[in-house]
């Protein structure tokens, strides 16, 4: 079995209307429950907006700079993630498709290194 990261690619610019978001949350909850029932769900969660981030960077002198906010400004950011443990890429893509249909945002599927 291999662990895969299913990353939610969130566009900047806000959150959907409450009614739309409520349906998405129900649908995502159903996919998460399916993953748990199938025994592939390892861990997952949503993230706060990028402006809540703190970035740590080397300062070139052996110390670390602490910077409020994201490292770079982008049009998209990591909005949440799910880690699954499945036999192969095809299985990961199947779960990624299900999650994408529920959340209605792009999902990046990436394996962890052994």
PDB file of N, CA and C in Angstrom:
ATOM      1  N   UNK A   1       0.854  -1.182   0.000  1.00  0.00           N
ATOM      2  CA  UNK A   1       0.000   0.000   0.000  1.00  0.00           C
ATOM      3  C   UNK A   1       0.900   1.245   0.000  1.00  0.00           C
ATOM      4  N   UNK A   2       0.405   2.285  -0.627  1.00  0.00           N
ATOM      5  CA  UNK A   2       1.129   3.543  -0.734  1.00  0.00           C
ATOM      6  C   UNK A   2       0.246   4.666  -0.212  1.00  0.00           C
ATOM      7  N   UNK A   3       0.859   5.605   0.494  1.00  0.00           N
ATOM      8  CA  UNK A   3       0.134   6.792   0.930  1.00  0.00           C
ATOM      9  C   UNK A   3       0.130   7.816  -0.196  1.00  0.00           C
ATOM     10  N   UNK A   4      -1.033   8.416  -0.412  1.00  0.00           N
ATOM     11  CA  UNK A   4      -1.200   9.479  -1.396  1.00  0.00           C
ATOM     12  C   UNK A   4      -1.798  10.693  -0.709  1.00  0.00           C
ATOM     13  N   UNK A   5      -1.361  11.858  -1.149  1.00  0.00           N
ATOM     14  CA  UNK A   5      -1.906  13.128  -0.687  1.00  0.00           C
ATOM     15  C   UNK A   5      -2.896  13.619  -1.729  1.00  0.00           C
ATOM     16  N   UNK A   6      -4.132  13.832  -1.305  1.00  0.00           N
ATOM     17  CA  UNK A   6      -5.148  14.443  -2.157  1.00  0.00           C
ATOM     18  C   UNK A   6      -5.274  15.891  -1.706  1.00  0.00           C
ATOM     19  N   UNK A   7      -4.694  16.813  -2.466  1.00  0.00           N
ATOM     20  CA  UNK A   7      -4.662  18.231  -2.099  1.00  0.00           C
ATOM     21  C   UNK A   7      -5.819  18.967  -2.737  1.00  0.00           C
ATOM     22  N   UNK A   8      -6.501  19.782  -1.960  1.00  0.00           N
ATOM     23  CA  UNK A   8      -7.579  20.629  -2.469  1.00  0.00           C
ATOM     24  C   UNK A   8      -6.959  21.934  -2.946  1.00  0.00           C
ATOM     25  N   UNK A   9      -7.108  22.227  -4.224  1.00  0.00           N
ATOM     26  CA  UNK A   9      -6.570  23.455  -4.811  1.00  0.00           C
ATOM     27  C   UNK A   9      -7.663  24.511  -4.739  1.00  0.00           C
ATOM     28  N   UNK A  10      -7.493  25.439  -3.811  1.00  0.00           N
ATOM     29  CA  UNK A  10      -8.503  26.455  -3.501  1.00  0.00           C
ATOM     30  C   UNK A  10      -8.164  27.761  -4.211  1.00  0.00           C
ATOM     31  N   UNK A  11      -9.092  28.330  -4.969  1.00  0.00           N
ATOM     32  CA  UNK A  11      -8.813  29.631  -5.577  1.00  0.00           C
ATOM     33  C   UNK A  11      -8.920  30.738  -4.526  1.00  0.00           C
ATOM     34  N   UNK A  12      -8.133  31.785  -4.702  1.00  0.00           N
ATOM     35  CA  UNK A  12      -8.257  32.932  -3.821  1.00  0.00           C
ATOM     36  C   UNK A  12      -9.554  33.650  -4.148  1.00  0.00           C
ATOM     37  N   UNK A  13     -10.032  34.434  -3.226  1.00  0.00           N
ATOM     38  CA  UNK A  13     -11.207  35.234  -3.533  1.00  0.00           C
ATOM     39  C   UNK A  13     -12.456  34.877  -2.771  1.00  0.00           C
ATOM     40  N   UNK A  14     -12.331  34.093  -1.736  1.00  0.00           N
ATOM     41  CA  UNK A  14     -13.505  33.894  -0.906  1.00  0.00           C
ATOM     42  C   UNK A  14     -14.065  32.496  -0.897  1.00  0.00           C
ATOM     43  N   UNK A  15     -15.131  32.386  -0.143  1.00  0.00           N
ATOM     44  CA  UNK A  15     -15.805  31.124   0.115  1.00  0.00           C
ATOM     45  C   UNK A  15     -17.154  31.145  -0.604  1.00  0.00           C
ATOM     46  N   UNK A  16     -17.640  29.986  -1.047  1.00  0.00           N
ATOM     47  CA  UNK A  16     -18.960  29.970  -1.700  1.00  0.00           C
ATOM     48  C   UNK A  16     -20.071  30.429  -0.756  1.00  0.00           C
ATOM     49  N   UNK A  17     -21.227  30.723  -1.323  1.00  0.00           N
ATOM     50  CA  UNK A  17     -22.395  31.082  -0.527  1.00  0.00           C
ATOM     51  C   UNK A  17     -22.670  29.998   0.507  1.00  0.00           C
ATOM     52  N   UNK A  18     -23.232  30.350   1.659  1.00  0.00           N
ATOM     53  CA  UNK A  18     -23.475  29.369   2.723  1.00  0.00           C
ATOM     54  C   UNK A  18     -24.272  28.143   2.283  1.00  0.00           C
ATOM     55  N   UNK A  19     -25.276  28.309   1.439  1.00  0.00           N
ATOM     56  CA  UNK A  19     -26.055  27.153   0.981  1.00  0.00           C
ATOM     57  C   UNK A  19     -25.211  26.213   0.133  1.00  0.00           C
ATOM     58  N   UNK A  20     -24.402  26.778  -0.748  1.00  0.00           N
ATOM     59  CA  UNK A  20     -23.521  25.977  -1.598  1.00  0.00           C
ATOM     60  C   UNK A  20     -22.480  25.271  -0.733  1.00  0.00           C
ATOM     61  N   UNK A  21     -21.890  26.009   0.205  1.00  0.00           N
ATOM     62  CA  UNK A  21     -20.876  25.434   1.085  1.00  0.00           C
ATOM     63  C   UNK A  21     -21.453  24.310   1.943  1.00  0.00           C
ATOM     64  N   UNK A  22     -22.669  24.480   2.413  1.00  0.00           N
ATOM     65  CA  UNK A  22     -23.307  23.445   3.243  1.00  0.00           C
ATOM     66  C   UNK A  22     -23.445  22.140   2.462  1.00  0.00           C
ATOM     67  N   UNK A  23     -23.857  22.215   1.209  1.00  0.00           N
ATOM     68  CA  UNK A  23     -23.984  21.013   0.381  1.00  0.00           C
ATOM     69  C   UNK A  23     -22.619  20.377   0.144  1.00  0.00           C
ATOM     70  N   UNK A  24     -21.619  21.201  -0.135  1.00  0.00           N
ATOM     71  CA  UNK A  24     -20.262  20.684  -0.352  1.00  0.00           C
ATOM     72  C   UNK A  24     -19.787  19.944   0.887  1.00  0.00           C
ATOM     73  N   UNK A  25     -20.015  20.516   2.059  1.00  0.00           N
ATOM     74  CA  UNK A  25     -19.549  19.883   3.293  1.00  0.00           C
ATOM     75  C   UNK A  25     -20.238  18.536   3.525  1.00  0.00           C
ATOM     76  N   UNK A  26     -21.523  18.453   3.218  1.00  0.00           N
ATOM     77  CA  UNK A  26     -22.248  17.174   3.336  1.00  0.00           C
ATOM     78  C   UNK A  26     -21.659  16.158   2.367  1.00  0.00           C
ATOM     79  N   UNK A  27     -21.430  16.589   1.121  1.00  0.00           N
ATOM     80  CA  UNK A  27     -20.894  15.686   0.103  1.00  0.00           C
ATOM     81  C   UNK A  27     -19.474  15.226   0.448  1.00  0.00           C
ATOM     82  N   UNK A  28     -18.645  16.136   0.924  1.00  0.00           N
ATOM     83  CA  UNK A  28     -17.280  15.774   1.319  1.00  0.00           C
ATOM     84  C   UNK A  28     -17.321  14.825   2.512  1.00  0.00           C
ATOM     85  N   UNK A  29     -18.193  15.091   3.462  1.00  0.00           N
ATOM     86  CA  UNK A  29     -18.345  14.188   4.606  1.00  0.00           C
ATOM     87  C   UNK A  29     -18.723  12.780   4.174  1.00  0.00           C
ATOM     88  N   UNK A  30     -19.570  12.675   3.154  1.00  0.00           N
ATOM     89  CA  UNK A  30     -19.970  11.358   2.648  1.00  0.00           C
ATOM     90  C   UNK A  30     -18.786  10.634   2.013  1.00  0.00           C
ATOM     91  N   UNK A  31     -17.969  11.353   1.227  1.00  0.00           N
ATOM     92  CA  UNK A  31     -16.791  10.725   0.612  1.00  0.00           C
ATOM     93  C   UNK A  31     -15.797  10.314   1.697  1.00  0.00           C
ATOM     94  N   UNK A  32     -15.589  11.165   2.690  1.00  0.00           N
ATOM     95  CA  UNK A  32     -14.685  10.816   3.791  1.00  0.00           C
ATOM     96  C   UNK A  32     -15.177   9.563   4.509  1.00  0.00           C
ATOM     97  N   UNK A  33     -16.479   9.442   4.710  1.00  0.00           N
ATOM     98  CA  UNK A  33     -17.028   8.258   5.361  1.00  0.00           C
ATOM     99  C   UNK A  33     -16.836   7.021   4.485  1.00  0.00           C
ATOM    100  N   UNK A  34     -16.992   7.178   3.178  1.00  0.00           N
ATOM    101  CA  UNK A  34     -16.735   6.058   2.267  1.00  0.00           C
ATOM    102  C   UNK A  34     -15.272   5.611   2.359  1.00  0.00           C
ATOM    103  N   UNK A  35     -14.368   6.584   2.455  1.00  0.00           N
ATOM    104  CA  UNK A  35     -12.946   6.254   2.596  1.00  0.00           C
ATOM    105  C   UNK A  35     -12.697   5.496   3.894  1.00  0.00           C
ATOM    106  N   UNK A  36     -13.315   5.949   4.977  1.00  0.00           N
ATOM    107  CA  UNK A  36     -13.146   5.268   6.267  1.00  0.00           C
ATOM    108  C   UNK A  36     -13.691   3.843   6.188  1.00  0.00           C
ATOM    109  N   UNK A  37     -14.875   3.686   5.595  1.00  0.00           N
ATOM    110  CA  UNK A  37     -15.481   2.359   5.470  1.00  0.00           C
ATOM    111  C   UNK A  37     -14.612   1.426   4.627  1.00  0.00           C
ATOM    112  N   UNK A  38     -13.952   1.977   3.617  1.00  0.00           N
ATOM    113  CA  UNK A  38     -13.087   1.182   2.747  1.00  0.00           C
ATOM    114  C   UNK A  38     -11.726   0.916   3.387  1.00  0.00           C
ATOM    115  N   UNK A  39     -11.437   1.598   4.504  1.00  0.00           N
ATOM    116  CA  UNK A  39     -10.168   1.397   5.195  1.00  0.00           C
ATOM    117  C   UNK A  39      -8.976   2.083   4.547  1.00  0.00           C
ATOM    118  N   UNK A  40      -9.225   3.114   3.716  1.00  0.00           N
ATOM    119  CA  UNK A  40      -8.117   3.803   3.039  1.00  0.00           C
ATOM    120  C   UNK A  40      -7.819   5.178   3.639  1.00  0.00           C
ATOM    121  N   UNK A  41      -8.740   5.713   4.440  1.00  0.00           N
ATOM    122  CA  UNK A  41      -8.576   7.065   4.992  1.00  0.00           C
ATOM    123  C   UNK A  41      -7.532   7.036   6.100  1.00  0.00           C
ATOM    124  N   UNK A  42      -6.536   7.911   6.025  1.00  0.00           N
ATOM    125  CA  UNK A  42      -5.501   8.014   7.056  1.00  0.00           C
ATOM    126  C   UNK A  42      -5.715   9.275   7.878  1.00  0.00           C
ATOM    127  N   UNK A  43      -5.837  10.424   7.204  1.00  0.00           N
ATOM    128  CA  UNK A  43      -5.957  11.703   7.898  1.00  0.00           C
ATOM    129  C   UNK A  43      -6.388  12.753   6.889  1.00  0.00           C
ATOM    130  N   UNK A  44      -7.059  13.773   7.341  1.00  0.00           N
ATOM    131  CA  UNK A  44      -7.424  14.865   6.455  1.00  0.00           C
ATOM    132  C   UNK A  44      -7.905  16.064   7.238  1.00  0.00           C
ATOM    133  N   UNK A  45      -7.970  17.202   6.559  1.00  0.00           N
ATOM    134  CA  UNK A  45      -8.481  18.397   7.202  1.00  0.00           C
ATOM    135  C   UNK A  45      -8.431  19.595   6.280  1.00  0.00           C
ATOM    136  N   UNK A  46      -9.205  20.589   6.645  1.00  0.00           N
ATOM    137  CA  UNK A  46      -9.194  21.864   5.938  1.00  0.00           C
ATOM    138  C   UNK A  46      -8.227  22.817   6.611  1.00  0.00           C
ATOM    139  N   UNK A  47      -7.747  23.768   5.857  1.00  0.00           N
ATOM    140  CA  UNK A  47      -6.784  24.737   6.374  1.00  0.00           C
ATOM    141  C   UNK A  47      -7.390  26.141   6.390  1.00  0.00           C
ATOM    142  N   UNK A  48      -6.911  26.968   7.310  1.00  0.00           N
ATOM    143  CA  UNK A  48      -7.308  28.369   7.329  1.00  0.00           C
ATOM    144  C   UNK A  48      -6.718  29.069   6.106  1.00  0.00           C
ATOM    145  N   UNK A  49      -7.162  30.273   5.849  1.00  0.00           N
ATOM    146  CA  UNK A  49      -6.689  31.051   4.704  1.00  0.00           C
ATOM    147  C   UNK A  49      -5.186  31.308   4.799  1.00  0.00           C
ATOM    148  N   UNK A  50      -4.514  31.533   3.663  1.00  0.00           N
ATOM    149  CA  UNK A  50      -3.068  31.734   3.655  1.00  0.00           C
ATOM    150  C   UNK A  50      -2.587  32.893   4.527  1.00  0.00           C
ATOM    151  N   UNK A  51      -3.424  33.906   4.737  1.00  0.00           N
ATOM    152  CA  UNK A  51      -2.959  35.034   5.549  1.00  0.00           C
ATOM    153  C   UNK A  51      -2.784  34.658   7.024  1.00  0.00           C
ATOM    154  N   UNK A  52      -3.178  33.455   7.409  1.00  0.00           N
ATOM    155  CA  UNK A  52      -2.940  32.986   8.781  1.00  0.00           C
ATOM    156  C   UNK A  52      -1.617  32.236   8.896  1.00  0.00           C
ATOM    157  N   UNK A  53      -0.933  32.047   7.771  1.00  0.00           N
ATOM    158  CA  UNK A  53       0.311  31.268   7.752  1.00  0.00           C
ATOM    159  C   UNK A  53       1.471  32.049   8.350  1.00  0.00           C
ATOM    160  N   UNK A  54       2.443  31.318   8.823  1.00  0.00           N
ATOM    161  CA  UNK A  54       3.737  31.858   9.224  1.00  0.00           C
ATOM    162  C   UNK A  54       4.778  31.063   8.462  1.00  0.00           C
ATOM    163  N   UNK A  55       5.660  31.760   7.762  1.00  0.00           N
ATOM    164  CA  UNK A  55       6.675  31.109   6.946  1.00  0.00           C
ATOM    165  C   UNK A  55       8.030  31.244   7.619  1.00  0.00           C
ATOM    166  N   UNK A  56       8.757  30.137   7.662  1.00  0.00           N
ATOM    167  CA  UNK A  56      10.114  30.118   8.212  1.00  0.00           C
ATOM    168  C   UNK A  56      11.086  29.968   7.052  1.00  0.00           C
ATOM    169  N   UNK A  57      12.066  30.889   6.960  1.00  0.00           N
ATOM    170  CA  UNK A  57      13.041  30.872   5.864  1.00  0.00           C
ATOM    171  C   UNK A  57      14.442  30.998   6.423  1.00  0.00           C
ATOM    172  N   UNK A  58      15.395  30.304   5.815  1.00  0.00           N
ATOM    173  CA  UNK A  58      16.776  30.508   6.244  1.00  0.00           C
ATOM    174  C   UNK A  58      17.211  31.925   5.885  1.00  0.00           C
ATOM    175  N   UNK A  59      17.982  32.540   6.770  1.00  0.00           N
ATOM    176  CA  UNK A  59      18.416  33.914   6.491  1.00  0.00           C
ATOM    177  C   UNK A  59      19.790  33.970   5.839  1.00  0.00           C
ATOM    178  N   UNK A  60      20.408  32.795   5.579  1.00  0.00           N
ATOM    179  CA  UNK A  60      21.718  32.765   4.942  1.00  0.00           C
ATOM    180  C   UNK A  60      22.870  32.925   5.910  1.00  0.00           C
ATOM    181  N   UNK A  61      22.572  33.146   7.190  1.00  0.00           N
ATOM    182  CA  UNK A  61      23.617  33.323   8.203  1.00  0.00           C
ATOM    183  C   UNK A  61      23.479  32.275   9.305  1.00  0.00           C
ATOM    184  N   UNK A  62      22.721  31.215   9.026  1.00  0.00           N
ATOM    185  CA  UNK A  62      22.557  30.157  10.012  1.00  0.00           C
ATOM    186  C   UNK A  62      21.377  30.362  10.939  1.00  0.00           C
ATOM    187  N   UNK A  63      20.583  31.383  10.696  1.00  0.00           N
ATOM    188  CA  UNK A  63      19.401  31.627  11.528  1.00  0.00           C
ATOM    189  C   UNK A  63      18.156  31.471  10.654  1.00  0.00           C
ATOM    190  N   UNK A  64      17.006  31.631  11.272  1.00  0.00           N
ATOM    191  CA  UNK A  64      15.736  31.466  10.576  1.00  0.00           C
ATOM    192  C   UNK A  64      14.919  32.745  10.696  1.00  0.00           C
ATOM    193  N   UNK A  65      14.429  33.217   9.552  1.00  0.00           N
ATOM    194  CA  UNK A  65      13.525  34.362   9.543  1.00  0.00           C
ATOM    195  C   UNK A  65      12.099  33.861   9.737  1.00  0.00           C
ATOM    196  N   UNK A  66      11.327  34.561  10.545  1.00  0.00           N
ATOM    197  CA  UNK A  66       9.923  34.255  10.764  1.00  0.00           C
ATOM    198  C   UNK A  66       9.116  35.353  10.076  1.00  0.00           C
ATOM    199  N   UNK A  67       8.305  34.944   9.096  1.00  0.00           N
ATOM    200  CA  UNK A  67       7.569  35.906   8.273  1.00  0.00           C
ATOM    201  C   UNK A  67       6.078  35.618   8.400  1.00  0.00           C
ATOM    202  N   UNK A  68       5.303  36.645   8.738  1.00  0.00           N
ATOM    203  CA  UNK A  68       3.851  36.482   8.772  1.00  0.00           C
ATOM    204  C   UNK A  68       3.330  36.353   7.352  1.00  0.00           C
ATOM    205  N   UNK A  69       2.399  35.438   7.166  1.00  0.00           N
ATOM    206  CA  UNK A  69       1.752  35.272   5.873  1.00  0.00           C
ATOM    207  C   UNK A  69       2.435  34.218   5.029  1.00  0.00           C
ATOM    208  N   UNK A  70       1.873  33.980   3.848  1.00  0.00           N
ATOM    209  CA  UNK A  70       2.412  32.951   2.969  1.00  0.00           C
ATOM    210  C   UNK A  70       3.745  33.364   2.366  1.00  0.00           C
ATOM    211  N   UNK A  71       4.464  32.375   1.856  1.00  0.00           N
ATOM    212  CA  UNK A  71       5.768  32.603   1.235  1.00  0.00           C
ATOM    213  C   UNK A  71       5.636  33.444  -0.027  1.00  0.00           C
ATOM    214  N   UNK A  72       4.635  33.153  -0.844  1.00  0.00           N
ATOM    215  CA  UNK A  72       4.402  33.901  -2.083  1.00  0.00           C
ATOM    216  C   UNK A  72       2.907  34.163  -2.231  1.00  0.00           C
ATOM    217  N   UNK A  73       2.579  35.140  -3.013  1.00  0.00           N
ATOM    218  CA  UNK A  73       1.174  35.374  -3.326  1.00  0.00           C
ATOM    219  C   UNK A  73       0.837  34.592  -4.585  1.00  0.00           C
ATOM    220  N   UNK A  74      -0.290  33.901  -4.549  1.00  0.00           N
ATOM    221  CA  UNK A  74      -0.690  33.077  -5.683  1.00  0.00           C
ATOM    222  C   UNK A  74      -2.176  33.254  -5.960  1.00  0.00           C
ATOM    223  N   UNK A  75      -2.619  32.703  -7.065  1.00  0.00           N
ATOM    224  CA  UNK A  75      -4.035  32.717  -7.401  1.00  0.00           C
ATOM    225  C   UNK A  75      -4.747  31.528  -6.776  1.00  0.00           C
ATOM    226  N   UNK A  76      -3.960  30.535  -6.335  1.00  0.00           N
ATOM    227  CA  UNK A  76      -4.512  29.343  -5.709  1.00  0.00           C
ATOM    228  C   UNK A  76      -3.654  28.996  -4.502  1.00  0.00           C
ATOM    229  N   UNK A  77      -4.244  28.238  -3.589  1.00  0.00           N
ATOM    230  CA  UNK A  77      -3.494  27.817  -2.411  1.00  0.00           C
ATOM    231  C   UNK A  77      -4.020  26.472  -1.931  1.00  0.00           C
ATOM    232  N   UNK A  78      -3.277  25.849  -1.045  1.00  0.00           N
ATOM    233  CA  UNK A  78      -3.682  24.584  -0.455  1.00  0.00           C
ATOM    234  C   UNK A  78      -4.787  24.861   0.553  1.00  0.00           C
ATOM    235  N   UNK A  79      -5.998  24.423   0.219  1.00  0.00           N
ATOM    236  CA  UNK A  79      -7.152  24.701   1.067  1.00  0.00           C
ATOM    237  C   UNK A  79      -7.450  23.590   2.047  1.00  0.00           C
ATOM    238  N   UNK A  80      -6.979  22.404   1.757  1.00  0.00           N
ATOM    239  CA  UNK A  80      -7.195  21.253   2.620  1.00  0.00           C
ATOM    240  C   UNK A  80      -6.561  20.039   1.992  1.00  0.00           C
ATOM    241  N   UNK A  81      -6.628  18.923   2.688  1.00  0.00           N
ATOM    242  CA  UNK A  81      -5.978  17.725   2.176  1.00  0.00           C
ATOM    243  C   UNK A  81      -6.566  16.485   2.820  1.00  0.00           C
ATOM    244  N   UNK A  82      -6.343  15.374   2.165  1.00  0.00           N
ATOM    245  CA  UNK A  82      -6.677  14.063   2.695  1.00  0.00           C
ATOM    246  C   UNK A  82      -5.517  13.136   2.365  1.00  0.00           C
ATOM    247  N   UNK A  83      -5.128  12.337   3.316  1.00  0.00           N
ATOM    248  CA  UNK A  83      -4.106  11.322   3.083  1.00  0.00           C
ATOM    249  C   UNK A  83      -4.804   9.971   3.067  1.00  0.00           C
ATOM    250  N   UNK A  84      -4.542   9.209   2.004  1.00  0.00           N
ATOM    251  CA  UNK A  84      -5.136   7.882   1.881  1.00  0.00           C
ATOM    252  C   UNK A  84      -4.035   6.845   1.718  1.00  0.00           C
ATOM    253  N   UNK A  85      -4.343   5.607   2.026  1.00  0.00           N
ATOM    254  CA  UNK A  85      -3.419   4.495   1.881  1.00  0.00           C
ATOM    255  C   UNK A  85      -4.069   3.479   0.960  1.00  0.00           C
ATOM    256  N   UNK A  86      -3.602   3.427  -0.283  1.00  0.00           N
ATOM    257  CA  UNK A  86      -4.220   2.587  -1.304  1.00  0.00           C
ATOM    258  C   UNK A  86      -3.149   1.795  -2.054  1.00  0.00           C
ATOM    259  N   UNK A  87      -3.560   0.764  -2.797  1.00  0.00           N
ATOM    260  CA  UNK A  87      -2.580  -0.093  -3.457  1.00  0.00           C
ATOM    261  C   UNK A  87      -1.801   0.555  -4.598  1.00  0.00           C
ATOM    262  N   UNK A  88      -2.427   1.518  -5.306  1.00  0.00           N
ATOM    263  CA  UNK A  88      -1.753   2.053  -6.491  1.00  0.00           C
ATOM    264  C   UNK A  88      -2.366   3.388  -6.908  1.00  0.00           C
ATOM    265  N   UNK A  89      -1.770   3.971  -7.950  1.00  0.00           N
ATOM    266  CA  UNK A  89      -2.218   5.269  -8.451  1.00  0.00           C
ATOM    267  C   UNK A  89      -3.659   5.215  -8.940  1.00  0.00           C
ATOM    268  N   UNK A  90      -4.046   4.133  -9.594  1.00  0.00           N
ATOM    269  CA  UNK A  90      -5.425   4.044 -10.084  1.00  0.00           C
ATOM    270  C   UNK A  90      -6.433   4.164  -8.945  1.00  0.00           C
ATOM    271  N   UNK A  91      -6.164   3.498  -7.831  1.00  0.00           N
ATOM    272  CA  UNK A  91      -7.063   3.594  -6.676  1.00  0.00           C
ATOM    273  C   UNK A  91      -7.056   5.012  -6.113  1.00  0.00           C
ATOM    274  N   UNK A  92      -5.873   5.634  -6.062  1.00  0.00           N
ATOM    275  CA  UNK A  92      -5.786   7.016  -5.570  1.00  0.00           C
ATOM    276  C   UNK A  92      -6.565   7.963  -6.463  1.00  0.00           C
ATOM    277  N   UNK A  93      -6.459   7.759  -7.773  1.00  0.00           N
ATOM    278  CA  UNK A  93      -7.196   8.616  -8.707  1.00  0.00           C
ATOM    279  C   UNK A  93      -8.700   8.417  -8.574  1.00  0.00           C
ATOM    280  N   UNK A  94      -9.119   7.193  -8.318  1.00  0.00           N
ATOM    281  CA  UNK A  94     -10.550   6.940  -8.107  1.00  0.00           C
ATOM    282  C   UNK A  94     -11.062   7.734  -6.910  1.00  0.00           C
ATOM    283  N   UNK A  95     -10.341   7.667  -5.787  1.00  0.00           N
ATOM    284  CA  UNK A  95     -10.760   8.436  -4.604  1.00  0.00           C
ATOM    285  C   UNK A  95     -10.641   9.934  -4.858  1.00  0.00           C
ATOM    286  N   UNK A  96      -9.608  10.352  -5.612  1.00  0.00           N
ATOM    287  CA  UNK A  96      -9.467  11.764  -5.965  1.00  0.00           C
ATOM    288  C   UNK A  96     -10.644  12.266  -6.794  1.00  0.00           C
ATOM    289  N   UNK A  97     -11.110  11.446  -7.718  1.00  0.00           N
ATOM    290  CA  UNK A  97     -12.284  11.816  -8.531  1.00  0.00           C
ATOM    291  C   UNK A  97     -13.519  11.985  -7.651  1.00  0.00           C
ATOM    292  N   UNK A  98     -13.693  11.067  -6.725  1.00  0.00           N
ATOM    293  CA  UNK A  98     -14.856  11.151  -5.831  1.00  0.00           C
ATOM    294  C   UNK A  98     -14.793  12.419  -4.980  1.00  0.00           C
ATOM    295  N   UNK A  99     -13.610  12.709  -4.455  1.00  0.00           N
ATOM    296  CA  UNK A  99     -13.448  13.917  -3.644  1.00  0.00           C
ATOM    297  C   UNK A  99     -13.660  15.165  -4.491  1.00  0.00           C
ATOM    298  N   UNK A 100     -13.127  15.170  -5.705  1.00  0.00           N
ATOM    299  CA  UNK A 100     -13.286  16.331  -6.581  1.00  0.00           C
ATOM    300  C   UNK A 100     -14.760  16.567  -6.900  1.00  0.00           C
ATOM    301  N   UNK A 101     -15.500  15.507  -7.143  1.00  0.00           N
ATOM    302  CA  UNK A 101     -16.931  15.654  -7.430  1.00  0.00           C
ATOM    303  C   UNK A 101     -17.678  16.235  -6.231  1.00  0.00           C
ATOM    304  N   UNK A 102     -17.247  15.854  -5.036  1.00  0.00           N
ATOM    305  CA  UNK A 102     -17.912  16.348  -3.829  1.00  0.00           C
ATOM    306  C   UNK A 102     -17.541  17.796  -3.535  1.00  0.00           C
ATOM    307  N   UNK A 103     -16.260  18.119  -3.666  1.00  0.00           N
ATOM    308  CA  UNK A 103     -15.799  19.444  -3.237  1.00  0.00           C
ATOM    309  C   UNK A 103     -15.871  20.479  -4.358  1.00  0.00           C
ATOM    310  N   UNK A 104     -15.969  20.032  -5.593  1.00  0.00           N
ATOM    311  CA  UNK A 104     -16.101  20.872  -6.788  1.00  0.00           C
ATOM    312  C   UNK A 104     -14.887  21.773  -7.051  1.00  0.00           C
ATOM    313  N   UNK A 105     -13.742  21.428  -6.503  1.00  0.00           N
ATOM    314  CA  UNK A 105     -12.494  22.147  -6.749  1.00  0.00           C
ATOM    315  C   UNK A 105     -11.469  21.154  -7.288  1.00  0.00           C
ATOM    316  N   UNK A 106     -10.410  21.659  -7.921  1.00  0.00           N
ATOM    317  CA  UNK A 106      -9.371  20.743  -8.388  1.00  0.00           C
ATOM    318  C   UNK A 106      -8.731  19.988  -7.216  1.00  0.00           C
ATOM    319  N   UNK A 107      -8.361  18.747  -7.488  1.00  0.00           N
ATOM    320  CA  UNK A 107      -7.677  17.906  -6.512  1.00  0.00           C
ATOM    321  C   UNK A 107      -6.363  17.446  -7.139  1.00  0.00           C
ATOM    322  N   UNK A 108      -5.260  17.682  -6.468  1.00  0.00           N
ATOM    323  CA  UNK A 108      -3.969  17.167  -6.906  1.00  0.00           C
ATOM    324  C   UNK A 108      -3.699  15.867  -6.173  1.00  0.00           C
ATOM    325  N   UNK A 109      -3.363  14.823  -6.912  1.00  0.00           N
ATOM    326  CA  UNK A 109      -3.069  13.508  -6.333  1.00  0.00           C
ATOM    327  C   UNK A 109      -1.569  13.280  -6.433  1.00  0.00           C
ATOM    328  N   UNK A 110      -0.924  13.042  -5.287  1.00  0.00           N
ATOM    329  CA  UNK A 110       0.527  12.883  -5.296  1.00  0.00           C
ATOM    330  C   UNK A 110       0.946  11.821  -4.291  1.00  0.00           C
ATOM    331  N   UNK A 111       1.820  10.869  -4.724  1.00  0.00           N
ATOM    332  CA  UNK A 111       2.273   9.848  -3.786  1.00  0.00           C
ATOM    333  C   UNK A 111       3.356  10.385  -2.845  1.00  0.00           C
ATOM    334  N   UNK A 112       3.398   9.794  -1.657  1.00  0.00           N
ATOM    335  CA  UNK A 112       4.507  10.063  -0.752  1.00  0.00           C
ATOM    336  C   UNK A 112       5.701   9.242  -1.187  1.00  0.00           C
ATOM    337  N   UNK A 113       6.887   9.715  -0.905  1.00  0.00           N
ATOM    338  CA  UNK A 113       8.107   8.937  -1.171  1.00  0.00           C
ATOM    339  C   UNK A 113       8.172   7.794  -0.173  1.00  0.00           C
ATOM    340  N   UNK A 114       8.738   6.685  -0.627  1.00  0.00           N
ATOM    341  CA  UNK A 114       8.909   5.535   0.287  1.00  0.00           C
ATOM    342  C   UNK A 114       9.961   5.842   1.323  1.00  0.00           C
TER     343      UNK A 114
END
